[in-house]
Amino acid sequence: MRCPAGIIAFFVAAALALTAHAKSPSYFVYVSNERSGDVSVIDGATDAVVVTFRVGKRPRGIHAAPDGKRLFVTLSGSPRMAPGIDENRAPADKTADGLGVIDPAARKLIDRWHVGSDPEQFAISKDGKFAFIANEDDASVSVVDLGSGQSRGKIKVSEEPEGVGVNPANGDVYVTCEEKGEVFAIDPDAQRVIAQIETGGRPRSVAFPPDGLHAYVACENGGYVAVIDAKSHKLLSKIQLPTGSLPMGTAVSRDGKELYVSTGRGNAVAVIDTQKINAQGSPLLSARGEGEGEESIAATRGGRLSSSPEERGKGEESIIAMIPVGNRAWGIALDPSGSKLYTANGASNDVSVVDLKLRKELRRIKVGDGPWGIAIVNAAN
């Protein structure tokens, strides 16, 4: 029996429509490239770079507004220096400091606001109206109105503030301060410090699960993740990662059951079972390698991660997997479905795409020079 031409045409058109839909991007990945001063945009459907555009000096922290209509990226005129170097030997261009405003539809920088000195990382308040920005060389946090770009306050913390996170449950702001190994908890409405938590180990970033009950802090020099009770603001435990790990970026799964931690020059992403952490806890561990910094990785078995029984600390039973990625993995972010993880690999100038179900790296995407941070924006926005 012959099939009518009209029916054939209908099915052909439907198939073509489905194919086009399958190829259309559902999200874009924005990558700040610190050394080249630009942002690369990756199509989430093809994992290919579609454009790279200039934004200014040393773009690092990058996040999208809740509605996805704008992106913000911190810019800094302070030169890149290793910890402990005399800053007087390297003059800073303070005119370059600011918070860049990006139009994701036009894919270009549309504004730059002066927000503080040497801004590095930031987080957007629970209501989406303000940015809390860590000013690395000023031991402070700036509060900026994202509607007007105007300053709304400044909060003193300790030296070298870097990571900033907002508790999704109550809006509390956590700020990690590297030099003294401290985390500051801030009341966003009163703009005052409500707790100071000692973690040690040069804390670099902080992430919260959806219920906001805990805070997970990546401590680079200690090689561990500090677990904090976000209600009492007390340190609960430290989860030691395998030798060679330098914990940097943090992200939590949508259901809160898994924590992902990039390990810097450990060149891997740790997958941690948060249910085991929260149910059992683990004792406070002495920090291993504090004060050594990233340079210490060269002395640890050729720069590769290792973990023998005598080296492991209690609490490692919560580590599900160590997934190899690119060189010096820093910023990380989940795709909208939570099934893929992207890592900014600062030393290999690429982005790793990780399949979290398969626990493996799928591919690497070349971007600009010195990729640092990652933000995900839905294409529908």
Protein backbone atom coordinates (compact mmCIF):
# COMPACT_ATOMS: atom_id res chain seq x y z
CA MET A 1 0.00 0.00 0.00
CA ARG A 2 1.31 3.39 -0.95
CA CYS A 3 1.59 6.04 1.73
CA PRO A 4 0.06 9.41 0.73
CA ALA A 5 2.62 12.11 -0.08
CA GLY A 6 1.10 14.42 2.52
CA ILE A 7 1.72 11.94 5.32
CA ILE A 8 5.31 11.38 4.19
CA ALA A 9 5.91 15.13 4.12
CA PHE A 10 4.46 15.46 7.63
CA PHE A 11 6.78 12.85 9.09
CA VAL A 12 9.82 14.27 7.30
CA ALA A 13 9.05 17.74 8.67
CA ALA A 14 8.55 16.33 12.16
CA ALA A 15 11.87 14.48 12.00
CA LEU A 16 13.68 17.60 10.87
CA ALA A 17 12.08 19.61 13.65
CA LEU A 18 13.16 17.05 16.24
CA THR A 19 16.69 17.05 14.85
CA ALA A 20 16.88 20.84 14.99
CA HIS A 21 15.53 20.81 18.52
CA ALA A 22 18.07 18.21 19.60
CA LYS A 23 20.91 20.36 18.30
CA SER A 24 19.67 23.64 19.74
CA PRO A 25 21.59 24.68 22.86
CA SER A 26 19.72 24.56 26.14
CA TYR A 27 22.44 26.48 27.95
CA PHE A 28 25.74 28.29 27.49
CA VAL A 29 28.90 28.03 29.56
CA TYR A 30 30.76 31.30 30.23
CA VAL A 31 34.44 30.99 31.13
CA SER A 32 36.54 33.85 32.54
CA ASN A 33 40.12 33.72 31.23
CA GLU A 34 42.33 35.50 33.74
CA ARG A 35 45.53 35.94 31.72
CA SER A 36 44.02 36.83 28.34
CA GLY A 37 41.43 39.19 29.84
CA ASP A 38 38.44 37.75 28.03
CA VAL A 39 35.43 35.46 28.37
CA SER A 40 34.82 32.36 26.23
CA VAL A 41 31.28 31.13 25.54
CA ILE A 42 30.65 27.41 25.07
CA ASP A 43 27.50 25.96 23.48
CA GLY A 44 26.19 23.40 25.97
CA ALA A 45 24.69 21.23 23.22
CA THR A 46 27.92 20.80 21.25
CA ASP A 47 30.54 21.66 23.89
CA ALA A 48 32.20 23.96 21.34
CA VAL A 49 33.34 27.56 21.80
CA VAL A 50 31.07 29.92 19.87
CA VAL A 51 32.72 33.24 20.73
CA THR A 52 35.38 34.86 22.92
CA PHE A 53 35.21 38.57 23.80
CA ARG A 54 37.32 41.04 25.77
CA VAL A 55 36.19 42.20 29.21
CA GLY A 56 39.21 43.76 30.96
CA LYS A 57 42.15 42.85 33.16
CA ARG A 58 42.22 39.60 35.12
CA PRO A 59 38.59 38.43 34.97
CA ARG A 60 38.03 35.87 37.71
CA GLY A 61 34.77 35.40 39.62
CA ILE A 62 31.80 35.13 37.26
CA HIS A 63 28.09 34.62 37.98
CA ALA A 64 24.77 35.18 36.27
CA ALA A 65 21.88 37.20 37.66
CA PRO A 66 18.99 34.95 38.80
CA ASP A 67 16.98 35.80 35.67
CA GLY A 68 19.96 35.16 33.39
CA LYS A 69 19.59 38.55 31.70
CA ARG A 70 23.02 39.74 32.82
CA LEU A 71 26.33 38.25 33.86
CA PHE A 72 28.83 39.82 36.20
CA VAL A 73 32.59 39.27 36.30
CA THR A 74 35.20 40.68 38.67
CA LEU A 75 38.11 42.56 37.05
CA SER A 76 41.40 43.47 38.69
CA GLY A 77 44.39 45.63 37.82
CA SER A 78 46.54 44.02 40.51
CA PRO A 79 49.30 41.88 39.01
CA ARG A 80 49.27 38.12 39.45
CA MET A 81 51.63 37.19 42.28
CA ALA A 82 52.31 34.16 44.41
CA PRO A 83 51.49 34.48 48.14
CA GLY A 84 54.08 36.33 50.21
CA ILE A 85 55.61 38.43 47.41
CA ASP A 86 56.21 42.09 48.24
CA GLU A 87 53.38 43.94 46.54
CA ASN A 88 55.47 47.14 46.39
CA ARG A 89 57.55 45.52 43.65
CA ALA A 90 54.52 45.14 41.39
CA PRO A 91 52.39 48.28 40.97
CA ALA A 92 48.65 47.82 40.56
CA ASP A 93 46.43 49.54 38.02
CA LYS A 94 43.50 50.44 40.28
CA THR A 95 41.61 52.03 37.39
CA ALA A 96 41.11 48.51 36.02
CA ASP A 97 39.41 47.20 39.18
CA GLY A 98 35.68 46.68 38.91
CA LEU A 99 32.67 44.47 38.35
CA GLY A 100 32.07 43.95 34.64
CA VAL A 101 28.48 43.72 33.39
CA ILE A 102 27.88 41.38 30.44
CA ASP A 103 24.88 41.17 28.13
CA PRO A 104 24.65 37.42 27.38
CA ALA A 105 22.38 38.01 24.36
CA ALA A 106 24.83 40.43 22.73
CA ARG A 107 27.82 38.57 24.20
CA LYS A 108 29.72 41.67 25.10
CA LEU A 109 30.72 43.84 28.07
CA ILE A 110 28.22 46.67 28.48
CA ASP A 111 29.38 48.32 31.71
CA ARG A 112 31.99 48.30 34.44
CA TRP A 113 31.34 49.40 38.01
CA HIS A 114 33.98 50.40 40.52
CA VAL A 115 33.29 48.11 43.47
CA GLY A 116 36.43 47.89 45.61
CA SER A 117 40.11 47.04 45.54
CA ASP A 118 41.31 43.89 43.73
CA PRO A 119 37.91 42.13 43.62
CA GLU A 120 38.25 38.39 43.20
CA GLN A 121 35.22 36.23 43.94
CA PHE A 122 31.65 37.18 44.76
CA ALA A 123 28.17 35.80 45.34
CA ILE A 124 24.70 37.16 44.66
CA SER A 125 22.33 37.63 47.59
CA LYS A 126 19.37 35.30 48.12
CA ASP A 127 16.95 37.94 46.79
CA GLY A 128 19.15 38.55 43.73
CA LYS A 129 19.50 42.28 44.42
CA PHE A 130 23.06 42.58 45.73
CA ALA A 131 26.55 41.24 45.12
CA PHE A 132 28.88 40.52 48.02
CA ILE A 133 32.39 40.91 46.63
CA ALA A 134 35.69 39.86 48.24
CA ASN A 135 38.34 42.60 47.93
CA GLU A 136 41.52 40.54 48.13
CA ASP A 137 44.07 43.23 48.98
CA ASP A 138 41.76 45.27 51.24
CA ALA A 139 40.56 42.63 53.76
CA SER A 140 36.97 43.62 53.08
CA VAL A 141 33.72 42.67 51.40
CA SER A 142 31.86 45.21 49.26
CA VAL A 143 28.08 45.20 48.96
CA VAL A 144 26.91 46.39 45.54
CA ASP A 145 23.38 47.08 44.33
CA LEU A 146 22.98 45.08 41.09
CA GLY A 147 20.22 47.37 39.91
CA SER A 148 22.24 50.57 40.02
CA GLY A 149 25.86 49.49 40.40
CA GLN A 150 26.12 51.66 43.51
CA SER A 151 27.95 50.67 46.68
CA ARG A 152 25.66 49.82 49.59
CA GLY A 153 28.25 49.03 52.23
CA LYS A 154 31.61 47.57 53.16
CA ILE A 155 32.35 44.89 55.76
CA LYS A 156 35.79 44.27 57.26
CA VAL A 157 37.07 40.70 57.38
CA SER A 158 40.63 39.36 57.63
CA GLU A 159 43.49 39.29 55.11
CA GLU A 160 43.10 37.89 51.59
CA PRO A 161 39.36 37.27 51.36
CA GLU A 162 38.56 35.12 48.35
CA GLY A 163 35.63 32.69 48.30
CA VAL A 164 32.08 33.95 48.85
CA GLY A 165 28.94 31.86 49.20
CA VAL A 166 25.30 32.55 50.09
CA ASN A 167 23.28 30.12 52.19
CA PRO A 168 20.19 29.33 50.06
CA ALA A 169 18.07 28.73 53.17
CA ASN A 170 18.59 31.91 55.20
CA GLY A 171 20.74 34.17 53.01
CA ASP A 172 23.77 34.26 55.33
CA VAL A 173 26.97 35.16 53.48
CA TYR A 174 30.17 33.16 54.10
CA VAL A 175 33.56 34.60 53.14
CA THR A 176 36.79 32.59 53.16
CA CYS A 177 39.98 34.42 54.14
CA GLU A 178 43.17 32.73 53.03
CA GLU A 179 45.99 34.20 55.10
CA LYS A 180 44.77 33.30 58.60
CA GLY A 181 42.61 30.34 57.59
CA GLU A 182 39.28 31.83 58.60
CA VAL A 183 35.68 31.90 57.41
CA PHE A 184 33.45 34.86 58.26
CA ALA A 185 29.67 34.51 58.50
CA ILE A 186 27.84 37.75 57.65
CA ASP A 187 24.26 38.87 58.24
CA PRO A 188 23.41 40.38 54.82
CA ASP A 189 20.71 42.71 56.11
CA ALA A 190 22.63 44.11 59.07
CA GLN A 191 25.90 43.93 57.07
CA ARG A 192 27.83 42.73 60.10
CA VAL A 193 29.96 39.72 60.99
CA ILE A 194 27.99 37.26 63.13
CA ALA A 195 30.62 34.50 63.41
CA GLN A 196 34.27 33.80 62.73
CA ILE A 197 35.27 30.17 62.11
CA GLU A 198 38.86 28.91 62.03
CA THR A 199 39.40 26.27 59.38
CA GLY A 200 43.13 26.57 58.74
CA GLY A 201 44.61 25.35 55.48
CA ARG A 202 44.14 28.44 53.30
CA PRO A 203 40.38 28.29 52.53
CA ARG A 204 39.63 29.08 48.90
CA SER A 205 35.90 28.59 48.27
CA VAL A 206 32.64 27.68 49.99
CA ALA A 207 29.45 25.92 48.86
CA PHE A 208 26.12 25.10 50.52
CA PRO A 209 23.63 22.27 49.93
CA PRO A 210 20.03 23.26 49.08
CA ASP A 211 18.87 22.83 52.69
CA GLY A 212 21.55 25.24 53.92
CA LEU A 213 22.41 23.09 56.95
CA HIS A 214 26.12 22.84 56.23
CA ALA A 215 28.89 24.78 54.51
CA TYR A 216 31.69 23.00 52.68
CA VAL A 217 34.98 24.89 52.52
CA ALA A 218 37.87 23.86 50.23
CA CYS A 219 41.16 24.33 52.11
CA GLU A 220 44.03 24.34 49.63
CA ASN A 221 47.15 24.01 51.78
CA GLY A 222 45.56 21.56 54.20
CA GLY A 223 44.38 19.26 51.44
CA TYR A 224 40.98 18.90 53.05
CA VAL A 225 37.38 20.09 52.98
CA ALA A 226 36.17 21.73 56.19
CA VAL A 227 32.56 20.96 57.11
CA ILE A 228 30.75 23.69 59.06
CA ASP A 229 27.39 23.62 60.84
CA ALA A 230 25.70 26.56 59.10
CA LYS A 231 23.25 27.11 61.96
CA SER A 232 25.71 27.29 64.84
CA HIS A 233 28.60 28.41 62.60
CA LYS A 234 30.84 25.76 64.21
CA LEU A 235 33.50 23.62 62.55
CA LEU A 236 32.34 19.99 62.53
CA SER A 237 34.97 18.02 60.65
CA LYS A 238 37.67 17.97 58.00
CA ILE A 239 37.56 15.53 55.11
CA GLN A 240 41.11 14.75 54.00
CA LEU A 241 41.56 14.30 50.25
CA PRO A 242 44.25 12.07 48.70
CA THR A 243 47.86 13.25 48.85
CA GLY A 244 48.57 15.82 46.13
CA SER A 245 45.11 17.38 46.32
CA LEU A 246 44.93 21.16 46.62
CA PRO A 247 41.19 21.79 47.07
CA MET A 248 40.02 24.88 45.21
CA GLY A 249 36.50 25.12 43.72
CA THR A 250 33.33 23.63 45.20
CA ALA A 251 29.86 22.77 43.93
CA VAL A 252 26.96 20.75 45.35
CA SER A 253 24.54 18.52 43.43
CA ARG A 254 20.94 19.64 43.02
CA ASP A 255 19.72 17.11 45.59
CA GLY A 256 22.54 17.94 48.01
CA LYS A 257 23.79 14.36 48.13
CA GLU A 258 27.14 14.96 46.45
CA LEU A 259 29.89 17.55 46.81
CA TYR A 260 32.32 18.21 43.96
CA VAL A 261 35.75 19.69 44.69
CA SER A 262 38.41 20.67 42.16
CA THR A 263 41.92 19.91 43.38
CA GLY A 264 44.08 22.51 41.62
CA ARG A 265 47.36 20.95 40.52
CA GLY A 266 46.03 17.62 41.72
CA ASN A 267 44.35 17.64 38.29
CA ALA A 268 41.19 15.90 39.46
CA VAL A 269 37.69 16.46 40.80
CA ALA A 270 36.80 14.77 44.08
CA VAL A 271 33.25 13.42 44.42
CA ILE A 272 32.16 13.27 48.06
CA ASP A 273 29.08 11.60 49.55
CA THR A 274 27.60 14.31 51.78
CA GLN A 275 25.19 11.88 53.39
CA LYS A 276 28.11 9.95 54.89
CA ILE A 277 29.68 13.21 56.06
CA ASN A 278 26.49 14.45 57.68
CA ALA A 279 25.46 11.12 59.19
CA GLN A 280 28.82 10.04 60.59
CA GLY A 281 30.95 13.15 60.64
CA SER A 282 34.70 12.75 60.97
CA PRO A 283 37.22 13.94 63.53
CA LEU A 284 39.05 17.20 63.17
CA LEU A 285 42.26 16.44 61.34
CA SER A 286 45.54 18.24 61.61
CA ALA A 287 46.21 20.22 58.45
CA ARG A 288 48.76 18.55 56.19
CA GLY A 289 51.19 20.83 54.36
CA GLU A 290 49.89 24.18 55.61
CA GLY A 291 51.98 27.06 54.30
CA GLU A 292 53.39 25.06 51.39
CA GLY A 293 50.87 26.19 48.75
CA GLU A 294 50.66 24.92 45.21
CA GLU A 295 54.42 24.55 44.86
CA SER A 296 54.34 21.55 47.20
CA ILE A 297 52.61 19.46 44.56
CA ALA A 298 55.88 18.97 42.70
CA ALA A 299 57.23 17.01 45.63
CA THR A 300 54.30 14.60 45.86
CA ARG A 301 54.97 11.59 43.68
CA GLY A 302 55.55 13.41 40.44
CA GLY A 303 52.52 15.66 40.83
CA ARG A 304 50.06 12.74 40.80
CA LEU A 305 47.41 12.04 43.41
CA SER A 306 48.29 9.18 45.75
CA SER A 307 46.69 7.67 48.80
CA SER A 308 48.07 4.80 50.85
CA PRO A 309 46.50 3.46 54.06
CA GLU A 310 49.04 5.26 56.22
CA GLU A 311 48.40 8.55 54.37
CA ARG A 312 44.62 8.51 54.53
CA GLY A 313 42.76 10.36 57.23
CA LYS A 314 39.48 9.28 58.72
CA GLY A 315 36.54 10.53 56.71
CA GLU A 316 37.95 9.42 53.37
CA GLU A 317 35.26 6.74 53.25
CA SER A 318 32.98 9.55 52.10
CA ILE A 319 35.07 10.08 48.94
CA ILE A 320 33.24 8.29 46.10
CA ALA A 321 35.61 9.03 43.22
CA MET A 322 38.57 11.05 42.03
CA ILE A 323 37.97 12.00 38.38
CA PRO A 324 41.06 13.11 36.37
CA VAL A 325 40.62 16.43 34.51
CA GLY A 326 42.88 19.13 33.02
CA ASN A 327 45.83 20.89 34.63
CA ARG A 328 45.19 23.08 37.67
CA ALA A 329 41.41 22.75 37.84
CA TRP A 330 39.91 25.75 39.63
CA GLY A 331 36.37 27.04 39.02
CA ILE A 332 33.64 24.45 38.56
CA ALA A 333 29.93 24.55 37.71
CA LEU A 334 27.08 22.14 37.01
CA ASP A 335 24.93 22.18 33.89
CA PRO A 336 21.18 22.86 34.42
CA SER A 337 20.37 19.13 34.57
CA GLY A 338 23.11 18.45 37.11
CA SER A 339 24.47 15.61 34.98
CA LYS A 340 27.59 17.35 33.68
CA LEU A 341 30.30 19.29 35.45
CA TYR A 342 32.58 21.85 33.81
CA THR A 343 36.03 22.66 35.23
CA ALA A 344 38.24 25.64 34.35
CA ASN A 345 41.79 24.31 33.96
CA GLY A 346 44.12 27.29 34.42
CA ALA A 347 47.41 25.66 33.42
CA SER A 348 46.25 23.71 30.35
CA ASN A 349 44.01 26.53 29.02
CA ASP A 350 40.98 24.33 28.60
CA VAL A 351 37.69 23.30 30.16
CA SER A 352 36.98 19.69 31.12
CA VAL A 353 33.49 18.27 30.60
CA VAL A 354 32.74 15.59 33.19
CA ASP A 355 29.92 13.04 33.04
CA LEU A 356 28.92 12.70 36.69
CA LYS A 357 26.98 9.47 36.20
CA LEU A 358 29.85 7.73 34.41
CA ARG A 359 32.41 9.42 36.71
CA LYS A 360 34.69 10.31 33.82
CA GLU A 361 35.94 13.20 31.73
CA LEU A 362 34.23 13.29 28.34
CA ARG A 363 36.35 15.89 26.58
CA ARG A 364 38.41 19.07 26.92
CA ILE A 365 37.58 22.35 25.22
CA LYS A 366 40.29 24.87 24.42
CA VAL A 367 39.46 28.38 25.65
CA GLY A 368 41.49 31.52 26.43
CA ASP A 369 44.63 31.92 28.51
CA GLY A 370 44.27 31.05 32.18
CA PRO A 371 40.63 29.95 32.56
CA TRP A 372 39.50 30.72 36.13
CA GLY A 373 35.74 30.82 36.69
CA ILE A 374 32.63 29.27 35.12
CA ALA A 375 29.00 30.38 34.95
CA ILE A 376 26.07 28.60 33.30
CA VAL A 377 23.20 30.47 31.61
CA ASN A 378 20.05 28.88 30.21
CA ALA A 379 19.60 29.56 26.49
CA ALA A 380 15.95 30.42 27.04
CA ASN A 381 17.03 33.56 28.87
